[in-house]
């Protein structure tokens, strides 16, 4: 287990912490946050490359706060690979084993097993200058794992790859995690990476941990409006809560109250994901759903999908559209529509949690 207690580092213009965090042994953990939030800085502190001013770090019950990097039994993979240009793929992968006092024959056999898992065997004698970005990243992963670390630190491992290579490397990472039993600690701002790989996660903002827990909880039950916005809940609406019910904070804006049994009375926010909102030209939603008449303000393409901004009683909602509504030209800006959603898909954030 990784245990971080009251960790703090003060730099000119930025402070990390104080923060506390626990990561279970053998977990695949993801730290998410916007640029400049302190993600990589925390990773470098865990690696021993940067010393904190206060706090404690323990790996498997052993305090390593002041330990040198080579004494921590970690593997570290940066997004820029940092391979030795004069060494072959095999030599790059086995380079660090000599410093971990591994038996040469066993170390070589393990390295070749990793190469098989990552599809690197045909590249054994190649040098980094002849490799693609995805191949370099797989070599960097194999090199870090070849030393059999108890903790694998990954700094945006997929960010420099073309989209067509990302899915393959995600699969590689899942297989490596399952096959080695190593604890993975990955820094990323990519939601797909976090959802596809991590079973637990945390969100960091301005050097502080805002929420930590199961990955799906963070995406579907964010603790603050900042996290809700960060994870793609594009509809964050001011609300009033009373007697287990929620009313959107605009008179006459919502024809039905939403159930919110576990939310304390008072002001708060209701958050909805775009994919939980449905747009129809003729209604027809289930009877227990909330249905709002509205007008399409805009339609924008997002990769292979479309998002519509729909105004309902003075409030703007962002909803994901079905392909056919756009491709068949049955809906356009200015169209009169009905917006519908299941009240159970609404997430309630009590109080002034910004």
Protein backbone atom coordinates (compact mmCIF):
# COMPACT_ATOMS: atom_id res chain seq x y z
CA UNK A 1 0.00 0.00 0.00
CA UNK A 2 1.07 3.57 -0.72
CA UNK A 3 0.31 5.86 2.22
CA UNK A 4 0.80 9.62 1.97
CA UNK A 5 0.23 11.66 5.13
CA UNK A 6 0.06 15.46 5.25
CA UNK A 7 2.49 15.84 2.36
CA UNK A 8 3.49 19.42 1.58
CA UNK A 9 5.85 21.20 -0.78
CA UNK A 10 6.03 24.99 -1.11
CA UNK A 11 7.39 26.50 -4.30
CA UNK A 12 7.38 30.11 -5.55
CA UNK A 13 3.82 30.72 -6.69
CA UNK A 14 2.57 27.19 -5.98
CA UNK A 15 2.00 24.94 -2.98
CA UNK A 16 1.36 21.21 -3.08
CA UNK A 17 -0.72 19.98 -0.18
CA UNK A 18 -1.06 19.38 2.58
CA UNK A 19 -2.54 16.20 1.14
CA UNK A 20 -3.12 12.66 2.28
CA UNK A 21 -3.80 9.64 0.09
CA UNK A 22 -3.88 5.84 0.23
CA UNK A 23 -3.51 3.44 -2.69
CA UNK A 24 -4.13 -0.28 -2.19
CA UNK A 25 -1.43 -2.78 -2.97
CA UNK A 26 -1.80 -4.11 -6.51
CA UNK A 27 -4.28 -1.39 -7.56
CA UNK A 28 -4.29 0.54 -10.80
CA UNK A 29 -4.66 4.11 -9.52
CA UNK A 30 -5.09 7.27 -11.59
CA UNK A 31 -4.43 10.84 -10.50
CA UNK A 32 -6.38 13.33 -12.61
CA UNK A 33 -6.37 17.09 -12.69
CA UNK A 34 -5.99 20.13 -14.95
CA UNK A 35 -2.63 21.40 -16.17
CA UNK A 36 -0.65 22.98 -13.33
CA UNK A 37 -2.56 21.21 -10.55
CA UNK A 38 0.51 19.37 -9.18
CA UNK A 39 0.07 15.90 -10.73
CA UNK A 40 3.61 15.43 -12.04
CA UNK A 41 5.10 17.11 -8.97
CA UNK A 42 3.43 14.52 -6.72
CA UNK A 43 4.70 11.76 -9.01
CA UNK A 44 8.26 13.08 -8.73
CA UNK A 45 7.98 13.22 -4.94
CA UNK A 46 6.86 9.57 -4.90
CA UNK A 47 9.82 8.71 -7.14
CA UNK A 48 12.25 10.49 -4.83
CA UNK A 49 13.28 13.05 -7.45
CA UNK A 50 11.85 15.94 -5.40
CA UNK A 51 11.95 16.25 -1.62
CA UNK A 52 8.81 17.44 0.23
CA UNK A 53 9.02 20.03 2.97
CA UNK A 54 6.69 18.13 5.28
CA UNK A 55 4.71 14.93 5.53
CA UNK A 56 5.39 11.21 5.24
CA UNK A 57 5.39 8.64 2.44
CA UNK A 58 5.21 4.90 3.14
CA UNK A 59 5.47 2.00 0.70
CA UNK A 60 4.18 -1.29 2.15
CA UNK A 61 4.52 0.11 5.68
CA UNK A 62 8.11 1.30 5.16
CA UNK A 63 8.82 5.03 5.36
CA UNK A 64 10.59 6.23 2.21
CA UNK A 65 10.09 10.00 2.53
CA UNK A 66 13.85 10.69 2.51
CA UNK A 67 14.99 7.55 0.69
CA UNK A 68 16.98 7.85 -2.52
CA UNK A 69 15.13 6.87 -5.75
CA UNK A 70 17.14 3.67 -6.17
CA UNK A 71 16.10 2.53 -2.69
CA UNK A 72 12.37 2.74 -3.37
CA UNK A 73 11.94 -0.20 -5.78
CA UNK A 74 9.92 1.83 -8.26
CA UNK A 75 9.64 2.03 -12.04
CA UNK A 76 9.12 5.42 -13.67
CA UNK A 77 7.90 6.04 -17.22
CA UNK A 78 7.78 9.60 -18.56
CA UNK A 79 5.85 10.55 -21.68
CA UNK A 80 9.10 11.40 -23.49
CA UNK A 81 10.43 7.80 -23.16
CA UNK A 82 14.08 8.74 -22.23
CA UNK A 83 15.59 5.71 -23.98
CA UNK A 84 19.33 5.28 -24.53
CA UNK A 85 19.80 6.08 -28.24
CA UNK A 86 22.96 3.94 -28.66
CA UNK A 87 21.44 0.76 -27.19
CA UNK A 88 19.21 -1.81 -28.88
CA UNK A 89 15.66 -2.44 -27.69
CA UNK A 90 16.76 -5.50 -25.70
CA UNK A 91 19.72 -3.68 -24.14
CA UNK A 92 17.50 -0.75 -23.18
CA UNK A 93 15.04 -3.08 -21.48
CA UNK A 94 17.66 -5.05 -19.52
CA UNK A 95 19.88 -2.06 -18.70
CA UNK A 96 18.59 -1.46 -15.17
CA UNK A 97 18.59 -5.09 -14.07
CA UNK A 98 22.30 -5.02 -13.20
CA UNK A 99 21.61 -2.40 -10.53
CA UNK A 100 18.92 -4.57 -8.95
CA UNK A 101 21.24 -7.57 -8.61
CA UNK A 102 19.06 -9.83 -10.71
CA UNK A 103 20.38 -13.12 -11.98
CA UNK A 104 21.43 -12.39 -15.57
CA UNK A 105 19.79 -15.44 -17.15
CA UNK A 106 16.54 -15.03 -15.20
CA UNK A 107 16.50 -11.30 -15.88
CA UNK A 108 16.96 -11.86 -19.60
CA UNK A 109 14.18 -14.45 -19.65
CA UNK A 110 11.82 -12.09 -17.84
CA UNK A 111 12.71 -9.27 -20.23
CA UNK A 112 11.91 -11.47 -23.21
CA UNK A 113 8.57 -12.40 -21.62
CA UNK A 114 7.75 -8.70 -21.30
CA UNK A 115 8.75 -8.15 -24.92
CA UNK A 116 6.40 -10.92 -26.01
CA UNK A 117 3.54 -9.40 -24.02
CA UNK A 118 4.18 -6.00 -25.60
CA UNK A 119 4.80 -7.21 -29.14
CA UNK A 120 8.43 -6.06 -29.09
CA UNK A 121 10.20 -9.30 -29.96
CA UNK A 122 10.54 -8.43 -33.69
CA UNK A 123 12.26 -5.19 -32.64
CA UNK A 124 14.90 -6.81 -30.42
CA UNK A 125 17.94 -5.47 -32.30
CA UNK A 126 16.50 -2.13 -33.38
CA UNK A 127 17.62 1.20 -31.89
CA UNK A 128 15.27 3.95 -30.62
CA UNK A 129 15.83 6.24 -33.62
CA UNK A 130 14.14 3.63 -35.86
CA UNK A 131 11.06 3.16 -33.63
CA UNK A 132 7.65 4.82 -33.75
CA UNK A 133 6.29 6.74 -30.76
CA UNK A 134 4.12 3.82 -29.71
CA UNK A 135 7.03 1.39 -29.96
CA UNK A 136 9.24 3.66 -27.87
CA UNK A 137 6.56 3.90 -25.21
CA UNK A 138 6.25 0.11 -25.03
CA UNK A 139 10.04 -0.21 -24.72
CA UNK A 140 9.99 2.32 -21.86
CA UNK A 141 7.27 0.31 -20.11
CA UNK A 142 9.17 -2.94 -20.54
CA UNK A 143 12.40 -1.34 -19.27
CA UNK A 144 10.68 -0.09 -16.11
CA UNK A 145 8.97 -3.44 -15.43
CA UNK A 146 12.08 -5.51 -16.17
CA UNK A 147 13.48 -4.53 -12.78
CA UNK A 148 10.36 -5.97 -11.08
CA UNK A 149 9.32 -2.81 -9.20
CA UNK A 150 6.69 -2.95 -6.49
CA UNK A 151 5.34 0.40 -7.73
CA UNK A 152 5.04 1.62 -11.32
CA UNK A 153 4.77 5.40 -11.84
CA UNK A 154 3.37 6.55 -15.18
CA UNK A 155 3.39 10.19 -16.27
CA UNK A 156 0.84 10.70 -19.07
CA UNK A 157 2.00 7.46 -20.78
CA UNK A 158 -0.44 7.73 -23.70
CA UNK A 159 -0.60 11.48 -24.31
CA UNK A 160 2.01 11.58 -27.09
CA UNK A 161 0.47 8.73 -29.09
CA UNK A 162 -1.80 8.95 -32.10
CA UNK A 163 -5.40 7.90 -31.31
CA UNK A 164 -5.11 4.69 -33.34
CA UNK A 165 -2.24 3.47 -31.12
CA UNK A 166 -3.76 4.42 -27.77
CA UNK A 167 -6.26 1.58 -27.60
CA UNK A 168 -3.56 -0.99 -28.21
CA UNK A 169 -1.32 0.42 -25.48
CA UNK A 170 -4.25 0.62 -23.05
CA UNK A 171 -4.73 -3.10 -23.63
CA UNK A 172 -1.01 -3.66 -23.03
CA UNK A 173 -1.15 -1.74 -19.76
CA UNK A 174 -4.14 -3.77 -18.52
CA UNK A 175 -2.39 -7.02 -19.38
CA UNK A 176 0.85 -5.91 -17.70
CA UNK A 177 -1.02 -4.88 -14.58
CA UNK A 178 -2.85 -8.19 -14.35
CA UNK A 179 0.22 -10.23 -15.25
CA UNK A 180 2.73 -8.64 -12.89
CA UNK A 181 0.61 -7.73 -9.87
CA UNK A 182 2.51 -4.45 -9.63
CA UNK A 183 0.82 -1.37 -8.21
CA UNK A 184 0.33 1.19 -11.00
CA UNK A 185 0.10 4.92 -10.22
CA UNK A 186 -0.75 6.87 -13.37
CA UNK A 187 -1.02 10.62 -13.89
CA UNK A 188 -3.37 11.64 -16.70
CA UNK A 189 -5.90 14.22 -17.81
CA UNK A 190 -7.50 11.82 -20.30
CA UNK A 191 -10.87 10.52 -19.10
CA UNK A 192 -10.85 7.52 -21.44
CA UNK A 193 -7.51 6.36 -20.02
CA UNK A 194 -8.78 6.68 -16.47
CA UNK A 195 -12.07 4.87 -17.12
CA UNK A 196 -10.47 2.11 -19.18
CA UNK A 197 -7.56 1.37 -16.84
CA UNK A 198 -8.07 2.51 -13.27
CA UNK A 199 -10.17 0.90 -10.56
CA UNK A 200 -9.55 3.85 -8.20
CA UNK A 201 -8.68 7.48 -8.78
CA UNK A 202 -8.32 10.95 -7.31
CA UNK A 203 -8.75 14.47 -8.62
CA UNK A 204 -6.21 17.12 -7.67
CA UNK A 205 -6.80 20.86 -7.93
CA UNK A 206 -4.34 23.61 -7.03
CA UNK A 207 -2.20 21.13 -5.13
CA UNK A 208 -5.03 19.65 -3.06
CA UNK A 209 -6.93 16.37 -3.42
CA UNK A 210 -10.60 17.21 -3.99
CA UNK A 211 -12.01 13.68 -4.25
CA UNK A 212 -10.67 10.14 -4.03
CA UNK A 213 -12.42 6.81 -4.50
CA UNK A 214 -13.61 4.31 -7.13
CA UNK A 215 -13.13 5.72 -10.63
CA UNK A 216 -16.80 5.39 -11.59
CA UNK A 217 -17.85 7.24 -8.42
CA UNK A 218 -15.77 10.25 -9.42
CA UNK A 219 -17.31 10.33 -12.89
CA UNK A 220 -20.90 9.72 -11.80
CA UNK A 221 -20.94 11.13 -8.26
CA UNK A 222 -18.53 14.09 -8.20
CA UNK A 223 -18.19 15.80 -4.83
CA UNK A 224 -17.95 19.39 -6.12
CA UNK A 225 -19.07 21.44 -9.09
CA UNK A 226 -15.43 21.76 -10.18
CA UNK A 227 -15.08 17.97 -10.39
CA UNK A 228 -18.47 17.67 -12.10
CA UNK A 229 -17.33 20.11 -14.78
CA UNK A 230 -13.87 18.52 -15.01
CA UNK A 231 -15.26 15.03 -15.67
CA UNK A 232 -17.67 16.23 -18.35
CA UNK A 233 -20.94 16.92 -16.55
CA UNK A 234 -21.72 19.87 -18.79
CA UNK A 235 -25.06 20.60 -17.12
CA UNK A 236 -24.55 22.04 -13.64
CA UNK A 237 -27.67 23.84 -12.45
CA UNK A 238 -28.33 25.78 -9.26
CA UNK A 239 -31.04 24.05 -7.22
CA UNK A 240 -33.10 24.27 -4.03
CA UNK A 241 -33.50 21.19 -1.83
CA UNK A 242 -36.33 20.67 0.65
CA UNK A 243 -38.04 17.62 2.15
CA UNK A 244 -36.17 15.14 -0.06
CA UNK A 245 -37.01 16.95 -3.29
CA UNK A 246 -35.00 19.09 -5.69
CA UNK A 247 -36.30 22.08 -7.63
CA UNK A 248 -34.14 23.84 -10.18
CA UNK A 249 -33.46 27.35 -8.97
CA UNK A 250 -35.57 29.24 -11.51
CA UNK A 251 -39.31 29.78 -10.96
CA UNK A 252 -41.42 27.70 -13.28
CA UNK A 253 -38.41 26.13 -14.94
CA UNK A 254 -39.14 22.52 -14.07
CA UNK A 255 -42.58 20.95 -14.24
CA UNK A 256 -41.72 18.26 -11.69
CA UNK A 257 -39.58 18.02 -8.59
CA UNK A 258 -36.72 15.56 -8.64
CA UNK A 259 -36.30 13.04 -5.84
CA UNK A 260 -33.21 13.80 -3.73
CA UNK A 261 -33.77 11.84 -0.54
CA UNK A 262 -30.20 11.87 0.75
CA UNK A 263 -29.52 15.55 0.02
CA UNK A 264 -29.81 17.98 2.94
CA UNK A 265 -32.21 20.92 2.69
CA UNK A 266 -30.86 24.18 1.32
CA UNK A 267 -29.16 25.43 -1.80
CA UNK A 268 -27.03 23.19 -3.98
CA UNK A 269 -26.48 22.03 -7.53
CA UNK A 270 -27.90 19.38 -9.85
CA UNK A 271 -25.50 17.92 -12.42
CA UNK A 272 -26.37 15.89 -15.53
CA UNK A 273 -24.13 14.28 -18.13
CA UNK A 274 -24.91 15.13 -21.80
CA UNK A 275 -25.41 11.44 -22.60
CA UNK A 276 -28.15 11.23 -19.92
CA UNK A 277 -30.20 13.92 -21.66
CA UNK A 278 -32.34 12.90 -24.62
CA UNK A 279 -33.73 15.15 -27.34
CA UNK A 280 -36.88 14.26 -29.26
CA UNK A 281 -38.95 15.99 -31.89
CA UNK A 282 -42.18 14.44 -30.61
CA UNK A 283 -41.63 13.63 -26.92
CA UNK A 284 -42.61 10.08 -26.07
CA UNK A 285 -40.46 9.74 -22.94
CA UNK A 286 -41.44 7.39 -20.07
CA UNK A 287 -43.98 8.82 -17.65
CA UNK A 288 -41.62 9.11 -14.68
CA UNK A 289 -39.07 11.13 -16.69
CA UNK A 290 -38.71 14.90 -16.58
CA UNK A 291 -39.83 16.37 -19.95
CA UNK A 292 -39.08 19.99 -20.87
CA UNK A 293 -40.16 21.79 -24.05
CA UNK A 294 -37.30 23.68 -25.62
CA UNK A 295 -35.57 25.14 -28.64
CA UNK A 296 -32.29 24.01 -30.21
CA UNK A 297 -29.80 26.89 -29.98
CA UNK A 298 -26.82 25.16 -31.60
CA UNK A 299 -25.50 21.80 -32.78
CA UNK A 300 -21.77 21.04 -32.69
CA UNK A 301 -19.81 18.01 -33.79
CA UNK A 302 -17.62 16.28 -31.21
CA UNK A 303 -15.60 13.65 -33.07
CA UNK A 304 -18.12 11.00 -34.13
CA UNK A 305 -20.98 12.44 -32.09
CA UNK A 306 -22.95 15.66 -31.88
CA UNK A 307 -23.89 17.88 -28.95
CA UNK A 308 -26.93 20.15 -28.94
CA UNK A 309 -27.50 23.18 -26.74
CA UNK A 310 -31.22 23.27 -25.95
CA UNK A 311 -32.87 26.19 -24.16
CA UNK A 312 -35.76 25.23 -21.88
CA UNK A 313 -37.58 27.93 -19.91
CA UNK A 314 -34.56 30.21 -19.87
CA UNK A 315 -32.01 27.49 -18.99
CA UNK A 316 -29.46 26.04 -21.38
CA UNK A 317 -28.88 22.27 -21.43
CA UNK A 318 -26.18 20.39 -23.36
CA UNK A 319 -27.34 17.00 -24.67
CA UNK A 320 -25.76 14.35 -26.86
CA UNK A 321 -27.77 13.75 -30.03
CA UNK A 322 -28.58 10.50 -31.80
CA UNK A 323 -26.74 10.25 -35.12
CA UNK A 324 -29.89 9.88 -37.17
CA UNK A 325 -31.35 13.20 -35.97
CA UNK A 326 -28.41 15.03 -37.52
CA UNK A 327 -27.59 12.79 -40.48
CA UNK A 328 -31.19 12.72 -41.67
CA UNK A 329 -31.45 16.51 -41.29
CA UNK A 330 -34.53 16.13 -39.09
CA UNK A 331 -33.19 18.59 -36.50
CA UNK A 332 -31.44 21.92 -36.88
CA UNK A 333 -30.87 25.18 -35.03
CA UNK A 334 -34.21 26.69 -34.12
CA UNK A 335 -36.05 23.35 -34.02
CA UNK A 336 -38.73 22.96 -31.36
CA UNK A 337 -37.94 19.82 -29.33
CA UNK A 338 -38.61 18.05 -26.07
CA UNK A 339 -35.74 17.42 -23.68
CA UNK A 340 -36.10 14.44 -21.38
CA UNK A 341 -34.14 12.68 -18.67
CA UNK A 342 -34.60 10.06 -16.00
CA UNK A 343 -34.53 11.76 -12.56
CA UNK A 344 -32.29 8.93 -11.33
CA UNK A 345 -29.52 10.16 -13.67
CA UNK A 346 -29.34 13.53 -11.90
CA UNK A 347 -26.49 13.94 -9.43
CA UNK A 348 -27.03 16.26 -6.48
CA UNK A 349 -24.25 18.33 -4.93
CA UNK A 350 -25.36 19.89 -1.64
CA UNK A 351 -24.19 23.26 -0.39
CA UNK A 352 -21.84 25.73 -2.08
CA UNK A 353 -19.30 23.23 -3.36
CA UNK A 354 -17.43 25.07 -6.06
